[in-house]
Amino acid sequence: MALIQIPYHDGKLDINILTAVSRCVDVTVHDDLRIDMKVPVGMKQDMIELYVKRNRDSIIKKYEQAGMRNHQALQATLELKEGLVQYRNGLRLPFLGEMKLCLHIVQIPELEDTRIYSGESDNGDRTLTIKTDTDDQDFLRYLVMRYYKKCAGRIIRERATAFAKKMELSFQEIQIIGLVRGTSPRFPRMSYQNIEIGNQKTLWGSCSRKKNLKFDWKLLMLPAEVVDYVIVHELGHIKKMNHSSSFWREVEKVMPEYRECRNWLDKHGQEYEIF
């Protein structure tokens, strides 16, 4: 196995050169930050070195993104009971891959109505304040889920709209499943498909035969890049209702790094079942 090095800060990055029966070059950064570059059989050394030189910035970007995804893996210090997170005052929850949501639970005996307040600081930190007379975990879990659903309705709509534009797709409306009647956000109507935010249980996203998209509310806990991957994946199914090579080409057109995000999700996705 050949090795090429490129400058990186005060050191160097090692790139392992592997040959493959392929017509194109493929760079992969693994979870352990090892870099493999598959090149077509017979590609000459000077052409390999030229490719690395011309694509140095994109290789470094992939390397740094992989490092960030590893950093954003769910922390293992959360208090659990019977496999579920215990929602306590001061608990920090993941929001787009970072522990940016701080939960404030204020118990007030004999409070007639639960009150909920949310806020966001300039540095991206978020707060969710719940004033209630109970510490019932099912109730608190429902309130946290409702907050994520509302945020997901806005953020997923924005990201899906941006990617759909690149893929020449659009949507009719956004729905948030499981909220009290009248509390769903109102979004401008668009053409074609629908998006729903709900509790997918076993899937992060899905695309029905009628080409309506559904996303799990916990998706907003994942790193932003992985969220984008799930959105693009389901958008791709509007064009191709399978996982054929043509489907993955549609995904790769707008998200060349989809493989790394898919691998991250395969490795860390189940960790979020605790919520």
C-alpha atoms as a PDB file:
ATOM      1  CA  MET A   1       0.000   0.000   0.000  1.00  0.00           C
ATOM      2  CA  ALA A   2       1.468   3.336  -1.108  1.00  0.00           C
ATOM      3  CA  LEU A   3       1.448   6.418   1.072  1.00  0.00           C
ATOM      4  CA  ILE A   4       1.283  10.125   0.256  1.00  0.00           C
ATOM      5  CA  GLN A   5       1.576  12.914   2.831  1.00  0.00           C
ATOM      6  CA  ILE A   6       0.131  16.429   2.680  1.00  0.00           C
ATOM      7  CA  PRO A   7       0.953  19.388   4.974  1.00  0.00           C
ATOM      8  CA  TYR A   8      -1.565  20.024   7.742  1.00  0.00           C
ATOM      9  CA  HIS A   9      -0.957  22.768  10.328  1.00  0.00           C
ATOM     10  CA  ASP A  10       2.411  21.944  11.943  1.00  0.00           C
ATOM     11  CA  GLY A  11       2.392  18.323  10.793  1.00  0.00           C
ATOM     12  CA  LYS A  12       1.277  16.082   7.955  1.00  0.00           C
ATOM     13  CA  LEU A  13      -1.679  13.885   7.042  1.00  0.00           C
ATOM     14  CA  ASP A  14      -1.067  10.383   5.716  1.00  0.00           C
ATOM     15  CA  ILE A  15      -3.126   9.273   2.725  1.00  0.00           C
ATOM     16  CA  ASN A  16      -3.202   5.541   2.024  1.00  0.00           C
ATOM     17  CA  ILE A  17      -3.346   4.856  -1.722  1.00  0.00           C
ATOM     18  CA  LEU A  18      -5.396   1.795  -2.695  1.00  0.00           C
ATOM     19  CA  THR A  19      -6.115   0.502  -6.193  1.00  0.00           C
ATOM     20  CA  ALA A  20      -9.632  -0.465  -7.221  1.00  0.00           C
ATOM     21  CA  VAL A  21     -11.515  -1.498 -10.331  1.00  0.00           C
ATOM     22  CA  SER A  22     -13.054   1.910 -10.880  1.00  0.00           C
ATOM     23  CA  ARG A  23     -12.965   4.823 -13.291  1.00  0.00           C
ATOM     24  CA  CYS A  24     -12.765   7.530 -10.631  1.00  0.00           C
ATOM     25  CA  VAL A  25     -10.869   8.468  -7.475  1.00  0.00           C
ATOM     26  CA  ASP A  26     -12.655   8.084  -4.131  1.00  0.00           C
ATOM     27  CA  VAL A  27     -11.384   9.562  -0.840  1.00  0.00           C
ATOM     28  CA  THR A  28     -12.730   8.140   2.441  1.00  0.00           C
ATOM     29  CA  VAL A  29     -11.985   9.371   5.972  1.00  0.00           C
ATOM     30  CA  HIS A  30     -12.769   6.646   8.511  1.00  0.00           C
ATOM     31  CA  ASP A  31     -14.027   7.084  12.084  1.00  0.00           C
ATOM     32  CA  ASP A  32     -10.457   6.688  13.367  1.00  0.00           C
ATOM     33  CA  LEU A  33      -9.499   9.556  10.962  1.00  0.00           C
ATOM     34  CA  ARG A  34      -7.501   7.213   8.745  1.00  0.00           C
ATOM     35  CA  ILE A  35      -7.571   8.486   5.141  1.00  0.00           C
ATOM     36  CA  ASP A  36      -7.886   6.028   2.235  1.00  0.00           C
ATOM     37  CA  MET A  37      -7.835   7.093  -1.397  1.00  0.00           C
ATOM     38  CA  LYS A  38      -8.961   4.510  -3.951  1.00  0.00           C
ATOM     39  CA  VAL A  39      -7.546   5.092  -7.437  1.00  0.00           C
ATOM     40  CA  PRO A  40      -8.185   3.204 -10.703  1.00  0.00           C
ATOM     41  CA  VAL A  41      -5.884   0.295 -11.424  1.00  0.00           C
ATOM     42  CA  GLY A  42      -2.997   1.507 -13.591  1.00  0.00           C
ATOM     43  CA  MET A  43      -3.167   5.179 -12.521  1.00  0.00           C
ATOM     44  CA  LYS A  44       0.405   6.472 -12.593  1.00  0.00           C
ATOM     45  CA  GLN A  45       2.130   7.861  -9.491  1.00  0.00           C
ATOM     46  CA  ASP A  46       2.602  11.345 -10.945  1.00  0.00           C
ATOM     47  CA  MET A  47      -1.125  11.556 -11.741  1.00  0.00           C
ATOM     48  CA  ILE A  48      -1.988  10.411  -8.206  1.00  0.00           C
ATOM     49  CA  GLU A  49       0.280  13.068  -6.715  1.00  0.00           C
ATOM     50  CA  LEU A  50      -1.202  15.707  -9.020  1.00  0.00           C
ATOM     51  CA  TYR A  51      -4.729  14.723  -7.956  1.00  0.00           C
ATOM     52  CA  VAL A  52      -3.797  14.981  -4.267  1.00  0.00           C
ATOM     53  CA  LYS A  53      -2.166  18.367  -4.839  1.00  0.00           C
ATOM     54  CA  ARG A  54      -5.188  19.768  -6.672  1.00  0.00           C
ATOM     55  CA  ASN A  55      -7.687  18.345  -4.166  1.00  0.00           C
ATOM     56  CA  ARG A  56      -5.716  19.022  -0.973  1.00  0.00           C
ATOM     57  CA  ASP A  57      -8.291  21.489   0.399  1.00  0.00           C
ATOM     58  CA  SER A  58     -11.239  19.153  -0.148  1.00  0.00           C
ATOM     59  CA  ILE A  59      -9.345  16.242   1.464  1.00  0.00           C
ATOM     60  CA  ILE A  60      -8.540  18.370   4.510  1.00  0.00           C
ATOM     61  CA  LYS A  61     -12.190  19.482   4.680  1.00  0.00           C
ATOM     62  CA  LYS A  62     -13.317  15.844   4.728  1.00  0.00           C
ATOM     63  CA  TYR A  63     -10.768  15.077   7.452  1.00  0.00           C
ATOM     64  CA  GLU A  64     -11.959  17.982   9.630  1.00  0.00           C
ATOM     65  CA  GLN A  65     -15.623  17.106   9.091  1.00  0.00           C
ATOM     66  CA  ALA A  66     -14.947  13.545  10.221  1.00  0.00           C
ATOM     67  CA  GLY A  67     -13.219  14.867  13.327  1.00  0.00           C
ATOM     68  CA  MET A  68     -16.185  17.118  14.065  1.00  0.00           C
ATOM     69  CA  ARG A  69     -18.680  14.255  13.632  1.00  0.00           C
ATOM     70  CA  ASN A  70     -16.657  12.136  16.075  1.00  0.00           C
ATOM     71  CA  HIS A  71     -16.629  15.032  18.538  1.00  0.00           C
ATOM     72  CA  GLN A  72     -20.411  15.321  18.209  1.00  0.00           C
ATOM     73  CA  ALA A  73     -21.118  11.717  19.168  1.00  0.00           C
ATOM     74  CA  LEU A  74     -23.593  11.557  22.059  1.00  0.00           C
ATOM     75  CA  GLN A  75     -22.071  11.926  25.505  1.00  0.00           C
ATOM     76  CA  ALA A  76     -22.303   8.854  27.747  1.00  0.00           C
ATOM     77  CA  THR A  77     -22.793  10.769  31.008  1.00  0.00           C
ATOM     78  CA  LEU A  78     -26.578  11.212  30.801  1.00  0.00           C
ATOM     79  CA  GLU A  79     -28.623   9.837  33.717  1.00  0.00           C
ATOM     80  CA  LEU A  80     -30.677   6.841  32.574  1.00  0.00           C
ATOM     81  CA  LYS A  81     -33.448   4.785  34.132  1.00  0.00           C
ATOM     82  CA  GLU A  82     -34.703   1.678  32.361  1.00  0.00           C
ATOM     83  CA  GLY A  83     -32.857   2.839  29.248  1.00  0.00           C
ATOM     84  CA  LEU A  84     -34.388   6.321  29.080  1.00  0.00           C
ATOM     85  CA  VAL A  85     -32.946   9.748  29.888  1.00  0.00           C
ATOM     86  CA  GLN A  86     -34.169  11.276  33.129  1.00  0.00           C
ATOM     87  CA  TYR A  87     -35.217  14.873  32.566  1.00  0.00           C
ATOM     88  CA  ARG A  88     -33.872  16.984  35.438  1.00  0.00           C
ATOM     89  CA  ASN A  89     -33.249  20.657  36.017  1.00  0.00           C
ATOM     90  CA  GLY A  90     -29.956  21.708  34.436  1.00  0.00           C
ATOM     91  CA  LEU A  91     -29.832  18.788  31.984  1.00  0.00           C
ATOM     92  CA  ARG A  92     -28.115  19.578  28.680  1.00  0.00           C
ATOM     93  CA  LEU A  93     -29.536  17.984  25.546  1.00  0.00           C
ATOM     94  CA  PRO A  94     -28.096  17.696  22.024  1.00  0.00           C
ATOM     95  CA  PHE A  95     -29.233  20.181  19.404  1.00  0.00           C
ATOM     96  CA  LEU A  96     -27.766  19.818  15.909  1.00  0.00           C
ATOM     97  CA  GLY A  97     -24.949  17.710  17.315  1.00  0.00           C
ATOM     98  CA  GLU A  98     -23.886  19.897  20.236  1.00  0.00           C
ATOM     99  CA  MET A  99     -25.051  19.907  23.848  1.00  0.00           C
ATOM    100  CA  LYS A 100     -26.588  23.321  23.304  1.00  0.00           C
ATOM    101  CA  LEU A 101     -30.061  22.941  24.853  1.00  0.00           C
ATOM    102  CA  CYS A 102     -30.240  23.547  28.609  1.00  0.00           C
ATOM    103  CA  LEU A 103     -33.355  22.333  30.379  1.00  0.00           C
ATOM    104  CA  HIS A 104     -34.701  24.400  33.294  1.00  0.00           C
ATOM    105  CA  ILE A 105     -37.423  22.651  35.285  1.00  0.00           C
ATOM    106  CA  VAL A 106     -39.062  24.726  37.993  1.00  0.00           C
ATOM    107  CA  GLN A 107     -41.463  22.820  40.220  1.00  0.00           C
ATOM    108  CA  ILE A 108     -44.223  24.951  41.694  1.00  0.00           C
ATOM    109  CA  PRO A 109     -46.678  23.063  43.934  1.00  0.00           C
ATOM    110  CA  GLU A 110     -50.350  23.479  43.037  1.00  0.00           C
ATOM    111  CA  LEU A 111     -49.531  25.336  39.798  1.00  0.00           C
ATOM    112  CA  GLU A 112     -52.717  25.110  37.736  1.00  0.00           C
ATOM    113  CA  ASP A 113     -51.194  25.258  34.235  1.00  0.00           C
ATOM    114  CA  THR A 114     -47.768  24.184  33.053  1.00  0.00           C
ATOM    115  CA  ARG A 115     -45.870  27.078  31.486  1.00  0.00           C
ATOM    116  CA  ILE A 116     -43.132  26.720  28.882  1.00  0.00           C
ATOM    117  CA  TYR A 117     -40.610  29.322  27.728  1.00  0.00           C
ATOM    118  CA  SER A 118     -37.799  28.974  25.223  1.00  0.00           C
ATOM    119  CA  GLY A 119     -34.893  31.214  24.304  1.00  0.00           C
ATOM    120  CA  GLU A 120     -31.739  31.344  22.226  1.00  0.00           C
ATOM    121  CA  SER A 121     -28.511  33.262  22.846  1.00  0.00           C
ATOM    122  CA  ASP A 122     -26.175  34.798  20.285  1.00  0.00           C
ATOM    123  CA  ASN A 123     -23.686  31.927  20.626  1.00  0.00           C
ATOM    124  CA  GLY A 124     -26.312  29.327  19.734  1.00  0.00           C
ATOM    125  CA  ASP A 125     -27.080  28.121  23.266  1.00  0.00           C
ATOM    126  CA  ARG A 126     -30.758  27.380  23.813  1.00  0.00           C
ATOM    127  CA  THR A 127     -32.898  27.210  26.932  1.00  0.00           C
ATOM    128  CA  LEU A 128     -36.173  25.424  27.532  1.00  0.00           C
ATOM    129  CA  THR A 129     -37.843  26.441  30.793  1.00  0.00           C
ATOM    130  CA  ILE A 130     -40.718  24.345  32.143  1.00  0.00           C
ATOM    131  CA  LYS A 131     -42.708  25.565  35.133  1.00  0.00           C
ATOM    132  CA  THR A 132     -44.899  22.745  36.405  1.00  0.00           C
ATOM    133  CA  ASP A 133     -46.189  21.030  39.521  1.00  0.00           C
ATOM    134  CA  THR A 134     -45.021  17.549  38.546  1.00  0.00           C
ATOM    135  CA  ASP A 135     -41.815  15.616  37.912  1.00  0.00           C
ATOM    136  CA  ASP A 136     -43.572  12.908  35.900  1.00  0.00           C
ATOM    137  CA  GLN A 137     -41.004  11.747  33.349  1.00  0.00           C
ATOM    138  CA  ASP A 138     -43.532  10.846  30.652  1.00  0.00           C
ATOM    139  CA  PHE A 139     -45.011  14.330  30.853  1.00  0.00           C
ATOM    140  CA  LEU A 140     -41.615  16.058  30.776  1.00  0.00           C
ATOM    141  CA  ARG A 141     -40.513  13.830  27.889  1.00  0.00           C
ATOM    142  CA  TYR A 142     -43.633  14.874  25.966  1.00  0.00           C
ATOM    143  CA  LEU A 143     -42.897  18.573  26.529  1.00  0.00           C
ATOM    144  CA  VAL A 144     -39.288  18.195  25.372  1.00  0.00           C
ATOM    145  CA  MET A 145     -40.444  16.259  22.311  1.00  0.00           C
ATOM    146  CA  ARG A 146     -42.964  18.994  21.491  1.00  0.00           C
ATOM    147  CA  TYR A 147     -40.213  21.626  21.625  1.00  0.00           C
ATOM    148  CA  TYR A 148     -38.005  19.628  19.256  1.00  0.00           C
ATOM    149  CA  LYS A 149     -40.941  19.086  16.903  1.00  0.00           C
ATOM    150  CA  LYS A 150     -41.595  22.806  16.652  1.00  0.00           C
ATOM    151  CA  CYS A 151     -37.930  23.560  15.993  1.00  0.00           C
ATOM    152  CA  ALA A 152     -37.736  20.702  13.485  1.00  0.00           C
ATOM    153  CA  GLY A 153     -40.737  22.052  11.608  1.00  0.00           C
ATOM    154  CA  ARG A 154     -38.831  25.245  10.881  1.00  0.00           C
ATOM    155  CA  ILE A 155     -35.271  23.972  10.483  1.00  0.00           C
ATOM    156  CA  ILE A 156     -36.072  20.870   8.424  1.00  0.00           C
ATOM    157  CA  ARG A 157     -38.364  22.934   6.200  1.00  0.00           C
ATOM    158  CA  GLU A 158     -35.558  25.422   5.552  1.00  0.00           C
ATOM    159  CA  ARG A 159     -32.963  22.732   4.827  1.00  0.00           C
ATOM    160  CA  ALA A 160     -35.333  20.597   2.756  1.00  0.00           C
ATOM    161  CA  THR A 161     -36.355  23.614   0.699  1.00  0.00           C
ATOM    162  CA  ALA A 162     -32.728  24.533   0.000  1.00  0.00           C
ATOM    163  CA  PHE A 163     -31.772  21.010  -1.067  1.00  0.00           C
ATOM    164  CA  ALA A 164     -35.022  20.497  -2.977  1.00  0.00           C
ATOM    165  CA  LYS A 165     -34.233  23.552  -5.049  1.00  0.00           C
ATOM    166  CA  LYS A 166     -30.949  21.985  -6.118  1.00  0.00           C
ATOM    167  CA  MET A 167     -32.786  18.766  -6.939  1.00  0.00           C
ATOM    168  CA  GLU A 168     -35.661  20.576  -8.687  1.00  0.00           C
ATOM    169  CA  LEU A 169     -38.242  19.490  -6.099  1.00  0.00           C
ATOM    170  CA  SER A 170     -40.704  21.390  -3.884  1.00  0.00           C
ATOM    171  CA  PHE A 171     -43.399  20.736  -1.259  1.00  0.00           C
ATOM    172  CA  GLN A 172     -46.999  21.534  -0.543  1.00  0.00           C
ATOM    173  CA  GLU A 173     -46.976  21.974   3.227  1.00  0.00           C
ATOM    174  CA  ILE A 174     -45.295  21.066   6.518  1.00  0.00           C
ATOM    175  CA  GLN A 175     -47.186  19.187   9.228  1.00  0.00           C
ATOM    176  CA  ILE A 176     -46.139  18.463  12.802  1.00  0.00           C
ATOM    177  CA  ILE A 177     -47.735  15.295  14.151  1.00  0.00           C
ATOM    178  CA  GLY A 178     -48.876  14.940  17.761  1.00  0.00           C
ATOM    179  CA  LEU A 179     -49.253  18.583  18.791  1.00  0.00           C
ATOM    180  CA  VAL A 180     -52.408  20.083  20.280  1.00  0.00           C
ATOM    181  CA  ARG A 181     -54.788  21.314  17.621  1.00  0.00           C
ATOM    182  CA  GLY A 182     -54.046  24.902  16.634  1.00  0.00           C
ATOM    183  CA  THR A 183     -50.409  24.906  17.772  1.00  0.00           C
ATOM    184  CA  SER A 184     -48.825  23.804  14.491  1.00  0.00           C
ATOM    185  CA  PRO A 185     -46.662  26.459  12.819  1.00  0.00           C
ATOM    186  CA  ARG A 186     -48.130  28.013   9.681  1.00  0.00           C
ATOM    187  CA  PHE A 187     -45.912  27.818   6.630  1.00  0.00           C
ATOM    188  CA  PRO A 188     -46.446  29.188   3.127  1.00  0.00           C
ATOM    189  CA  ARG A 189     -47.916  26.636   0.761  1.00  0.00           C
ATOM    190  CA  MET A 190     -45.683  25.292  -1.957  1.00  0.00           C
ATOM    191  CA  SER A 191     -46.252  22.844  -4.770  1.00  0.00           C
ATOM    192  CA  TYR A 192     -46.134  19.014  -4.819  1.00  0.00           C
ATOM    193  CA  GLN A 193     -45.166  16.967  -1.742  1.00  0.00           C
ATOM    194  CA  ASN A 194     -45.779  17.147   2.025  1.00  0.00           C
ATOM    195  CA  ILE A 195     -43.373  16.921   4.975  1.00  0.00           C
ATOM    196  CA  GLU A 196     -44.409  15.614   8.394  1.00  0.00           C
ATOM    197  CA  ILE A 197     -42.502  15.796  11.691  1.00  0.00           C
ATOM    198  CA  GLY A 198     -43.477  12.975  14.034  1.00  0.00           C
ATOM    199  CA  ASN A 199     -42.248   9.973  15.981  1.00  0.00           C
ATOM    200  CA  GLN A 200     -40.776   7.534  13.466  1.00  0.00           C
ATOM    201  CA  LYS A 201     -39.712   5.034  16.158  1.00  0.00           C
ATOM    202  CA  THR A 202     -37.415   2.960  13.904  1.00  0.00           C
ATOM    203  CA  LEU A 203     -36.586   5.300  11.020  1.00  0.00           C
ATOM    204  CA  TRP A 204     -35.014   8.748  10.872  1.00  0.00           C
ATOM    205  CA  GLY A 205     -36.947   9.523   7.739  1.00  0.00           C
ATOM    206  CA  SER A 206     -39.227   7.902   5.190  1.00  0.00           C
ATOM    207  CA  CYS A 207     -40.800   8.559   1.809  1.00  0.00           C
ATOM    208  CA  SER A 208     -44.216   7.080   1.039  1.00  0.00           C
ATOM    209  CA  ARG A 209     -45.464   5.809  -2.307  1.00  0.00           C
ATOM    210  CA  LYS A 210     -47.393   9.066  -2.578  1.00  0.00           C
ATOM    211  CA  LYS A 211     -44.030  10.805  -2.127  1.00  0.00           C
ATOM    212  CA  ASN A 212     -44.845  12.378   1.227  1.00  0.00           C
ATOM    213  CA  LEU A 213     -41.845  12.702   3.534  1.00  0.00           C
ATOM    214  CA  LYS A 214     -41.761  11.986   7.268  1.00  0.00           C
ATOM    215  CA  PHE A 215     -38.920  12.782   9.684  1.00  0.00           C
ATOM    216  CA  ASP A 216     -38.384  11.778  13.292  1.00  0.00           C
ATOM    217  CA  TRP A 217     -38.334  14.641  15.813  1.00  0.00           C
ATOM    218  CA  LYS A 218     -35.030  13.375  17.283  1.00  0.00           C
ATOM    219  CA  LEU A 219     -33.347  14.099  13.956  1.00  0.00           C
ATOM    220  CA  LEU A 220     -32.695  17.610  15.254  1.00  0.00           C
ATOM    221  CA  MET A 221     -30.421  16.152  17.942  1.00  0.00           C
ATOM    222  CA  LEU A 222     -27.940  14.871  15.344  1.00  0.00           C
ATOM    223  CA  PRO A 223     -25.004  16.781  13.825  1.00  0.00           C
ATOM    224  CA  ALA A 224     -26.188  19.270  11.210  1.00  0.00           C
ATOM    225  CA  GLU A 225     -24.339  17.491   8.421  1.00  0.00           C
ATOM    226  CA  VAL A 226     -26.053  14.190   9.289  1.00  0.00           C
ATOM    227  CA  VAL A 227     -29.441  15.934   9.381  1.00  0.00           C
ATOM    228  CA  ASP A 228     -28.745  17.183   5.864  1.00  0.00           C
ATOM    229  CA  TYR A 229     -27.860  13.662   4.754  1.00  0.00           C
ATOM    230  CA  VAL A 230     -31.180  12.221   6.011  1.00  0.00           C
ATOM    231  CA  ILE A 231     -33.096  15.021   4.287  1.00  0.00           C
ATOM    232  CA  VAL A 232     -31.245  14.566   0.992  1.00  0.00           C
ATOM    233  CA  HIS A 233     -31.684  10.788   1.248  1.00  0.00           C
ATOM    234  CA  GLU A 234     -35.464  11.099   1.465  1.00  0.00           C
ATOM    235  CA  LEU A 235     -35.573  13.765  -1.230  1.00  0.00           C
ATOM    236  CA  GLY A 236     -33.708  11.340  -3.448  1.00  0.00           C
ATOM    237  CA  HIS A 237     -36.522   8.818  -3.024  1.00  0.00           C
ATOM    238  CA  ILE A 238     -38.939  11.250  -4.660  1.00  0.00           C
ATOM    239  CA  LYS A 239     -36.948  10.662  -7.832  1.00  0.00           C
ATOM    240  CA  LYS A 240     -35.911   7.037  -7.210  1.00  0.00           C
ATOM    241  CA  MET A 241     -38.023   4.819  -4.929  1.00  0.00           C
ATOM    242  CA  ASN A 242     -35.165   2.375  -4.339  1.00  0.00           C
ATOM    243  CA  HIS A 243     -31.501   2.233  -3.335  1.00  0.00           C
ATOM    244  CA  SER A 244     -30.110   1.635  -6.792  1.00  0.00           C
ATOM    245  CA  SER A 245     -26.862   3.109  -8.048  1.00  0.00           C
ATOM    246  CA  SER A 246     -28.874   5.823  -9.824  1.00  0.00           C
ATOM    247  CA  PHE A 247     -30.479   6.763  -6.488  1.00  0.00           C
ATOM    248  CA  TRP A 248     -27.088   7.181  -4.807  1.00  0.00           C
ATOM    249  CA  ARG A 249     -25.923   9.287  -7.753  1.00  0.00           C
ATOM    250  CA  GLU A 250     -28.833  11.657  -7.120  1.00  0.00           C
ATOM    251  CA  VAL A 251     -27.771  11.926  -3.470  1.00  0.00           C
ATOM    252  CA  GLU A 252     -24.106  12.408  -4.342  1.00  0.00           C
ATOM    253  CA  LYS A 253     -24.878  15.245  -6.747  1.00  0.00           C
ATOM    254  CA  VAL A 254     -25.854  17.528  -3.856  1.00  0.00           C
ATOM    255  CA  MET A 255     -23.968  15.807  -1.025  1.00  0.00           C
ATOM    256  CA  PRO A 256     -20.635  14.271  -2.093  1.00  0.00           C
ATOM    257  CA  GLU A 257     -19.780  13.377   1.528  1.00  0.00           C
ATOM    258  CA  TYR A 258     -22.951  11.314   2.062  1.00  0.00           C
ATOM    259  CA  ARG A 259     -21.008   8.082   2.733  1.00  0.00           C
ATOM    260  CA  GLU A 260     -19.309   9.521   5.806  1.00  0.00           C
ATOM    261  CA  CYS A 261     -22.637  10.762   7.170  1.00  0.00           C
ATOM    262  CA  ARG A 262     -24.301   7.421   6.475  1.00  0.00           C
ATOM    263  CA  ASN A 263     -21.496   5.619   8.327  1.00  0.00           C
ATOM    264  CA  TRP A 264     -21.832   8.003  11.292  1.00  0.00           C
ATOM    265  CA  LEU A 265     -25.564   7.318  11.449  1.00  0.00           C
ATOM    266  CA  ASP A 266     -25.044   3.554  11.272  1.00  0.00           C
ATOM    267  CA  LYS A 267     -22.561   3.749  14.145  1.00  0.00           C
ATOM    268  CA  HIS A 268     -24.225   6.293  16.454  1.00  0.00           C
ATOM    269  CA  GLY A 269     -27.904   6.444  15.474  1.00  0.00           C
ATOM    270  CA  GLN A 270     -29.110   3.883  18.028  1.00  0.00           C
ATOM    271  CA  GLU A 271     -27.598   5.917  20.854  1.00  0.00           C
ATOM    272  CA  TYR A 272     -30.495   8.381  20.548  1.00  0.00           C
ATOM    273  CA  GLU A 273     -33.146   5.816  21.463  1.00  0.00           C
ATOM    274  CA  ILE A 274     -32.656   6.892  25.088  1.00  0.00           C
ATOM    275  CA  PHE A 275     -34.734  10.013  24.431  1.00  0.00           C
END
